[in-house]
Amino acid sequence: MQNLNFLNPRRPVQWCLMLAIGGLMWTATSQTTATADGSQPAVDNNSPAPTYLRDIQPIFMGNCSRCHNQQSRFVYDWLDYRTAYADRWEIRRRVWDSWKGSYYKEPMPIVNSPESLALTDEERSTIRDWVDHGAVCGVAPAADGVKSKAERIQLGRRLFTSICAACHQPTGLGRANQFPPLAGSDYLNADKTRAINLVIFGRQGEVVVNGLKYDNNMPSFPLSDQDIANVLTYVYNSFGNSGFAVTPEEVKNERAHPPLPSATPVKKSVFE
């Protein structure tokens, strides 16, 4: 039989040497080193490594936020960076490995759900690459100049389709007894400032829209002033609504005001 004395745990020098060599090999093959400006190396020669605020959070808002939001009781809030970072390897396993059939738990989003059908192969690989390259937070993309009303409507349509339509439906008609309609909404059209506050801070509790009661919660999404201006301008200029325009300046001003009493309570990350 081959002599295996070198594996004897009573020989600490050899063990330390083996672990050190193994650690160096793992670091060389599995880790990346930040560049001088603090960003991560490129995934390939043509594109930078994904960051949370630039690449991942928009995917989570569009495909995961119906479950993974600040009001979640039984699943983690992936719209919060610290929570998503702490859960990053499970996210990768569920979004990528399970989807590829190499992890025993159910893929996320749930197979054949609207979110799963909408999540592209490219978005799944972006989430995988984000985790593999250190799950960096990064910085949100800067606003690229003043937008005309027409531009806000066009950009807002994309946001509505990716984030809002899951509950309020692409038609804006909502879901009976669950989510109120935005189409021809007396509640929405009565007070633009209130609508801005609602999108910034979320809402919970009963609301009456077009004579019907709804008692569900709306989470607060981490959208920029420009994003909120875009999506509200789109909604106000669609579905038979008033045609109001919302500007980033109006959103910024309302963000400085206290949330309405019905706003979603602020909750710390579960990992704090």
Protein backbone atom coordinates (compact mmCIF):
# COMPACT_ATOMS: atom_id res chain seq x y z
CA MET A 1 0.00 0.00 0.00
CA GLN A 2 1.24 3.48 -0.83
CA ASN A 3 2.68 5.39 2.12
CA LEU A 4 0.17 8.05 3.13
CA ASN A 5 2.09 9.41 6.10
CA PHE A 6 2.26 12.79 4.45
CA LEU A 7 -1.50 13.09 5.10
CA ASN A 8 -1.04 12.53 8.81
CA PRO A 9 -2.76 15.47 10.56
CA ARG A 10 -0.04 15.30 13.22
CA ARG A 11 2.40 16.70 10.69
CA PRO A 12 1.29 20.36 10.69
CA VAL A 13 4.09 21.67 8.49
CA GLN A 14 3.06 19.51 5.54
CA TRP A 15 -0.61 20.34 6.03
CA CYS A 16 0.06 24.07 6.12
CA LEU A 17 2.18 23.80 2.99
CA MET A 18 -0.52 21.85 1.13
CA LEU A 19 -3.23 24.29 2.18
CA ALA A 20 -1.11 27.28 1.19
CA ILE A 21 -0.41 25.83 -2.26
CA GLY A 22 -4.09 24.94 -2.71
CA GLY A 23 -5.13 28.43 -1.66
CA LEU A 24 -2.76 30.04 -4.15
CA MET A 25 -4.03 27.81 -6.95
CA TRP A 26 -7.69 28.60 -6.09
CA THR A 27 -6.92 32.32 -5.93
CA ALA A 28 -5.22 32.25 -9.30
CA THR A 29 -8.10 30.46 -10.99
CA SER A 30 -11.16 31.76 -9.14
CA GLN A 31 -10.45 35.30 -8.00
CA THR A 32 -10.02 38.56 -9.83
CA THR A 33 -8.08 41.62 -8.79
CA ALA A 34 -9.58 45.08 -8.79
CA THR A 35 -8.07 47.60 -11.18
CA ALA A 36 -6.52 50.87 -10.08
CA ASP A 37 -9.84 52.72 -10.13
CA GLY A 38 -11.53 50.09 -7.95
CA SER A 39 -13.54 48.47 -10.74
CA GLN A 40 -13.34 44.79 -11.59
CA PRO A 41 -11.51 43.33 -14.59
CA ALA A 42 -13.43 42.73 -17.77
CA VAL A 43 -15.44 39.55 -18.24
CA ASP A 44 -13.90 39.37 -21.69
CA ASN A 45 -11.81 41.67 -23.83
CA ASN A 46 -14.77 43.74 -24.93
CA SER A 47 -16.97 44.44 -21.91
CA PRO A 48 -16.43 45.39 -18.26
CA ALA A 49 -17.45 43.07 -15.46
CA PRO A 50 -21.08 43.59 -14.38
CA THR A 51 -21.80 45.71 -11.32
CA TYR A 52 -24.87 45.65 -9.13
CA LEU A 53 -26.16 49.19 -9.63
CA ARG A 54 -25.46 49.38 -13.35
CA ASP A 55 -26.37 45.86 -14.49
CA ILE A 56 -27.91 43.66 -11.81
CA GLN A 57 -30.40 45.80 -9.91
CA PRO A 58 -32.30 46.66 -13.13
CA ILE A 59 -32.60 42.92 -13.87
CA PHE A 60 -33.83 42.24 -10.34
CA MET A 61 -36.38 45.06 -10.55
CA GLY A 62 -37.72 43.75 -13.83
CA ASN A 63 -37.74 40.03 -13.09
CA CYS A 64 -37.53 39.36 -9.35
CA SER A 65 -39.08 42.29 -7.49
CA ARG A 66 -42.63 40.88 -7.37
CA CYS A 67 -41.29 38.50 -4.69
CA HIS A 68 -37.91 39.89 -3.68
CA ASN A 69 -38.72 43.37 -2.38
CA GLN A 70 -38.64 45.32 0.88
CA GLN A 71 -42.02 43.95 1.95
CA SER A 72 -41.01 40.32 1.55
CA ARG A 73 -41.52 38.21 4.64
CA PHE A 74 -40.23 34.83 3.53
CA VAL A 75 -37.65 35.67 0.85
CA TYR A 76 -34.76 38.11 0.79
CA ASP A 77 -34.94 41.66 -0.59
CA TRP A 78 -32.59 41.58 -3.55
CA LEU A 79 -33.26 45.25 -4.31
CA ASP A 80 -30.97 45.89 -1.34
CA TYR A 81 -27.31 45.49 -2.30
CA ARG A 82 -26.06 44.16 1.04
CA THR A 83 -28.74 41.50 1.07
CA ALA A 84 -28.12 40.50 -2.54
CA TYR A 85 -24.35 40.41 -1.94
CA ALA A 86 -24.71 38.17 1.10
CA ASP A 87 -26.98 35.81 -0.86
CA ARG A 88 -24.98 36.05 -4.09
CA TRP A 89 -23.89 32.42 -4.41
CA GLU A 90 -27.39 31.09 -3.86
CA ILE A 91 -28.65 33.60 -6.44
CA ARG A 92 -26.08 32.29 -8.91
CA ARG A 93 -26.98 28.67 -8.20
CA ARG A 94 -30.69 29.28 -8.62
CA VAL A 95 -30.54 31.61 -11.61
CA TRP A 96 -27.76 29.84 -13.52
CA ASP A 97 -26.85 26.38 -12.18
CA SER A 98 -30.41 25.16 -11.57
CA TRP A 99 -31.48 26.57 -14.91
CA LYS A 100 -28.69 24.54 -16.49
CA GLY A 101 -29.75 21.45 -14.52
CA SER A 102 -26.64 21.27 -12.32
CA TYR A 103 -28.19 22.32 -8.99
CA TYR A 104 -30.89 20.40 -7.19
CA LYS A 105 -33.10 23.33 -6.14
CA GLU A 106 -35.77 24.89 -8.33
CA PRO A 107 -34.53 27.60 -10.70
CA MET A 108 -35.43 31.21 -10.12
CA PRO A 109 -37.54 32.80 -11.32
CA ILE A 110 -39.92 29.86 -11.08
CA VAL A 111 -40.12 27.94 -14.33
CA ASN A 112 -42.84 29.15 -16.72
CA SER A 113 -43.63 32.18 -14.54
CA PRO A 114 -43.94 35.52 -16.40
CA GLU A 115 -40.62 36.60 -14.91
CA SER A 116 -38.86 33.41 -16.01
CA LEU A 117 -40.22 33.69 -19.53
CA ALA A 118 -39.08 37.31 -19.68
CA LEU A 119 -35.58 36.67 -18.28
CA THR A 120 -33.17 36.32 -21.17
CA ASP A 121 -30.14 34.05 -21.50
CA GLU A 122 -27.99 37.17 -21.54
CA GLU A 123 -29.48 38.41 -18.26
CA ARG A 124 -28.89 35.05 -16.60
CA SER A 125 -25.26 35.04 -17.71
CA THR A 126 -24.87 38.65 -16.52
CA ILE A 127 -25.99 37.60 -13.01
CA ARG A 128 -23.58 34.66 -13.13
CA ASP A 129 -20.69 36.89 -14.21
CA TRP A 130 -21.52 39.47 -11.54
CA VAL A 131 -21.14 36.85 -8.81
CA ASP A 132 -18.06 35.26 -10.37
CA HIS A 133 -16.29 38.63 -10.62
CA GLY A 134 -16.75 39.70 -7.02
CA ALA A 135 -20.37 40.96 -6.93
CA VAL A 136 -19.22 44.60 -7.00
CA CYS A 137 -21.74 47.31 -6.12
CA GLY A 138 -20.49 49.91 -8.59
CA VAL A 139 -22.29 53.17 -9.28
CA ALA A 140 -25.61 53.90 -10.92
CA PRO A 141 -25.44 55.20 -14.50
CA ALA A 142 -25.44 58.98 -14.65
CA ALA A 143 -28.36 60.77 -16.27
CA ASP A 144 -27.44 61.74 -19.81
CA GLY A 145 -29.05 65.13 -20.21
CA VAL A 146 -32.50 66.70 -20.16
CA LYS A 147 -35.24 64.57 -21.72
CA SER A 148 -38.13 65.84 -23.75
CA LYS A 149 -41.62 64.66 -22.88
CA ALA A 150 -41.59 62.31 -25.87
CA GLU A 151 -38.28 60.82 -24.74
CA ARG A 152 -39.60 60.34 -21.20
CA ILE A 153 -42.64 58.53 -22.57
CA GLN A 154 -40.49 56.20 -24.64
CA LEU A 155 -38.09 55.42 -21.77
CA GLY A 156 -41.00 55.11 -19.35
CA ARG A 157 -42.68 52.53 -21.56
CA ARG A 158 -39.64 50.26 -21.18
CA LEU A 159 -39.62 50.67 -17.40
CA PHE A 160 -43.34 50.05 -17.15
CA THR A 161 -43.08 46.89 -19.23
CA SER A 162 -40.18 45.49 -17.21
CA ILE A 163 -41.29 46.50 -13.68
CA CYS A 164 -44.88 47.68 -13.36
CA ALA A 165 -46.69 45.43 -15.82
CA ALA A 166 -46.22 42.32 -13.66
CA CYS A 167 -48.87 43.65 -11.28
CA HIS A 168 -50.71 46.37 -13.17
CA GLN A 169 -50.68 44.39 -16.43
CA PRO A 170 -49.41 45.63 -19.83
CA THR A 171 -52.89 47.08 -20.47
CA GLY A 172 -52.85 49.09 -17.23
CA LEU A 173 -56.08 47.38 -16.16
CA GLY A 174 -54.57 45.82 -13.02
CA ARG A 175 -55.82 42.58 -11.46
CA ALA A 176 -59.27 42.29 -9.96
CA ASN A 177 -59.27 42.41 -6.15
CA GLN A 178 -55.46 42.52 -6.13
CA PHE A 179 -53.81 45.41 -7.93
CA PRO A 180 -55.67 48.59 -8.90
CA PRO A 181 -55.93 49.75 -12.49
CA LEU A 182 -53.83 52.59 -13.82
CA ALA A 183 -56.03 52.94 -16.88
CA GLY A 184 -58.41 55.84 -16.43
CA SER A 185 -57.53 55.91 -12.73
CA ASP A 186 -59.35 58.61 -10.76
CA TYR A 187 -56.90 58.11 -7.90
CA LEU A 188 -53.87 58.59 -10.15
CA ASN A 189 -55.22 61.57 -12.08
CA ALA A 190 -56.49 63.45 -9.03
CA ASP A 191 -53.06 64.26 -7.57
CA LYS A 192 -49.77 64.10 -9.46
CA THR A 193 -47.70 64.95 -6.38
CA ARG A 194 -49.27 62.09 -4.45
CA ALA A 195 -48.49 59.72 -7.31
CA ILE A 196 -44.84 60.80 -7.29
CA ASN A 197 -44.64 60.26 -3.52
CA LEU A 198 -46.22 56.83 -3.89
CA VAL A 199 -43.68 55.66 -6.47
CA ILE A 200 -40.76 57.00 -4.40
CA PHE A 201 -41.82 55.58 -1.04
CA GLY A 202 -44.25 52.78 -1.88
CA ARG A 203 -47.69 52.28 -0.38
CA GLN A 204 -49.55 49.90 1.91
CA GLY A 205 -53.13 49.59 3.04
CA GLU A 206 -56.52 50.04 1.46
CA VAL A 207 -57.07 52.34 -1.49
CA VAL A 208 -60.20 53.10 -3.52
CA VAL A 209 -59.72 53.38 -7.29
CA ASN A 210 -62.61 53.95 -9.67
CA GLY A 211 -65.06 53.05 -6.92
CA LEU A 212 -63.46 49.70 -6.01
CA LYS A 213 -61.40 48.85 -2.93
CA TYR A 214 -57.95 47.32 -3.12
CA ASP A 215 -55.89 46.27 -0.13
CA ASN A 216 -52.45 45.28 -1.30
CA ASN A 217 -48.96 46.68 -0.91
CA MET A 218 -46.67 48.38 -3.39
CA PRO A 219 -42.94 48.24 -2.63
CA SER A 220 -40.60 51.17 -3.01
CA PHE A 221 -38.31 50.63 -6.00
CA PRO A 222 -34.76 52.04 -6.06
CA LEU A 223 -35.44 54.18 -9.12
CA SER A 224 -33.68 57.44 -9.97
CA ASP A 225 -35.50 60.76 -10.25
CA GLN A 226 -35.25 60.46 -14.02
CA ASP A 227 -36.64 56.91 -14.02
CA ILE A 228 -39.66 57.91 -11.93
CA ALA A 229 -40.27 60.93 -14.14
CA ASN A 230 -40.09 58.68 -17.19
CA VAL A 231 -42.45 55.97 -15.99
CA LEU A 232 -45.05 58.36 -14.56
CA THR A 233 -45.00 60.48 -17.71
CA TYR A 234 -45.62 57.32 -19.70
CA VAL A 235 -48.50 56.21 -17.47
CA TYR A 236 -50.11 59.65 -17.47
CA ASN A 237 -49.93 59.72 -21.27
CA SER A 238 -51.30 56.20 -21.75
CA PHE A 239 -54.39 54.20 -20.86
CA GLY A 240 -56.75 57.16 -21.21
CA ASN A 241 -55.11 59.21 -18.46
CA SER A 242 -54.70 62.96 -18.05
CA GLY A 243 -51.62 63.62 -20.16
CA PHE A 244 -49.59 65.09 -17.29
CA ALA A 245 -45.83 65.35 -17.62
CA VAL A 246 -43.55 64.61 -14.67
CA THR A 247 -40.04 66.04 -14.51
CA PRO A 248 -36.98 64.83 -12.58
CA GLU A 249 -37.03 68.15 -10.70
CA GLU A 250 -40.54 67.44 -9.42
CA VAL A 251 -39.45 64.01 -8.27
CA LYS A 252 -36.34 65.40 -6.56
CA ASN A 253 -38.45 67.99 -4.75
CA GLU A 254 -40.96 65.39 -3.56
CA ARG A 255 -38.18 63.04 -2.45
CA ALA A 256 -37.10 65.73 0.03
CA HIS A 257 -40.57 65.70 1.62
CA PRO A 258 -41.65 63.13 4.25
CA PRO A 259 -43.38 59.99 2.96
CA LEU A 260 -47.15 59.91 3.17
CA PRO A 261 -48.61 58.05 6.18
CA SER A 262 -49.54 55.18 3.86
CA ALA A 263 -45.94 54.75 2.63
CA THR A 264 -44.19 51.42 2.95
CA PRO A 265 -42.17 51.35 6.21
CA VAL A 266 -38.42 51.48 5.71
CA LYS A 267 -36.85 48.13 6.63
CA LYS A 268 -33.18 47.45 7.15
CA SER A 269 -31.39 44.69 5.32
CA VAL A 270 -31.79 41.33 7.04
CA PHE A 271 -27.99 41.08 7.00
CA GLU A 272 -27.40 44.31 8.96
